Protein backbone atom coordinates (compact mmCIF):
# COMPACT_ATOMS: atom_id res chain seq x y z
CA MET A 1 85.50 86.52 135.62
CA GLY A 2 87.08 89.84 134.70
CA LYS A 3 89.40 90.92 131.95
CA LYS A 4 92.64 89.01 131.53
CA ASN A 5 95.95 90.68 132.22
CA TYR A 6 99.17 89.62 130.56
CA THR A 7 102.88 89.77 131.20
CA TYR A 8 104.73 89.44 127.91
CA ILE A 9 108.18 89.36 126.37
CA VAL A 10 108.90 90.65 122.89
CA LYS A 11 112.06 90.23 120.86
CA CYS A 12 113.19 93.45 119.20
CA ARG A 13 114.79 93.83 115.78
CA ASP A 14 118.20 94.21 117.42
CA GLY A 15 117.76 90.91 119.29
CA SER A 16 117.12 92.51 122.67
CA LEU A 17 114.19 91.45 124.85
CA TYR A 18 111.54 93.76 126.31
CA THR A 19 109.11 92.75 129.06
CA GLY A 20 105.82 94.50 129.75
CA TRP A 21 102.26 93.97 130.89
CA THR A 22 98.89 94.75 129.31
CA ASN A 23 95.22 93.83 129.41
CA ASP A 24 94.99 93.67 125.60
CA LEU A 25 97.87 91.77 124.03
CA GLU A 26 96.87 92.28 120.39
CA LYS A 27 96.40 96.03 120.82
CA ARG A 28 99.70 96.32 122.71
CA MET A 29 101.66 94.51 119.97
CA LYS A 30 100.16 96.81 117.34
CA ALA A 31 101.11 99.82 119.49
CA HIS A 32 104.71 98.60 119.89
CA ASN A 33 105.07 98.06 116.15
CA ALA A 34 103.49 101.42 115.35
CA GLY A 35 106.09 103.15 117.55
CA LYS A 36 103.47 104.01 120.17
CA GLY A 37 104.40 101.34 122.69
CA ALA A 38 107.29 101.73 125.09
CA LYS A 39 110.08 104.21 124.49
CA TYR A 40 112.53 101.28 124.50
CA THR A 41 110.86 99.48 121.61
CA LYS A 42 110.20 102.58 119.49
CA SER A 43 113.64 102.53 117.86
CA ARG A 44 113.90 98.72 117.84
CA ARG A 45 110.92 97.84 115.64
CA PRO A 46 109.56 95.53 114.54
CA VAL A 47 109.03 93.53 117.70
CA THR A 48 107.80 89.95 117.85
CA LEU A 49 105.83 88.45 120.71
CA VAL A 50 107.84 85.48 121.99
CA TYR A 51 106.17 84.75 125.34
CA TYR A 52 103.22 85.66 127.53
CA GLU A 53 101.49 84.60 130.73
CA SER A 54 97.92 85.48 131.71
CA PHE A 55 96.66 86.60 135.13
CA GLU A 56 93.33 87.50 136.68
CA THR A 57 94.55 90.80 138.15
CA LYS A 58 96.64 93.72 136.99
CA GLU A 59 98.68 93.48 140.19
CA GLU A 60 99.70 89.87 139.47
CA ALA A 61 100.74 90.76 135.92
CA MET A 62 102.72 93.77 137.12
CA ARG A 63 104.44 91.71 139.83
CA ARG A 64 105.47 89.09 137.25
CA GLU A 65 106.68 91.82 134.87
CA TYR A 66 108.90 93.15 137.67
CA GLU A 67 110.29 89.65 138.38
CA ILE A 68 111.10 88.97 134.72
CA LYS A 69 112.65 92.41 134.16
CA HIS A 70 115.12 91.69 136.96
CA MET A 71 116.18 88.29 135.61
CA PRO A 72 119.38 87.77 133.65
CA ARG A 73 118.85 87.25 129.91
CA GLU A 74 119.73 83.55 130.16
CA LYS A 75 116.83 82.96 132.54
CA LYS A 76 114.44 84.91 130.29
CA GLU A 77 115.51 82.76 127.34
CA LYS A 78 114.78 79.59 129.34
CA ILE A 79 111.29 80.89 130.18
CA ILE A 80 110.68 81.66 126.50
CA GLU A 81 111.89 78.20 125.44
CA ARG A 82 109.73 76.43 128.05
CA GLY A 83 106.73 78.47 126.92
CA ARG A 84 107.22 77.34 123.33
CA LEU A 85 107.19 73.69 124.39
CA GLN A 86 103.78 74.13 126.06
CA VAL A 87 102.12 75.82 123.08
């Protein structure tokens, strides 16, 4: 079994949501909060991880990232809420 890949959603300081993918969730969150993550999150720190899914391949994680990024906010919020219930 190879490295895990993740699609994640973070909530920014301004309340906006950002979706991305990574193969190291902890390192990615540190990068976002250090201003070295995505350009979008740089000026909206701190960010808080609110949801993630894991995948075997990078391609699966990237495909899911694309799907989530194209969803309306209401649908993203439902995904986040459902994820909290399963934790």
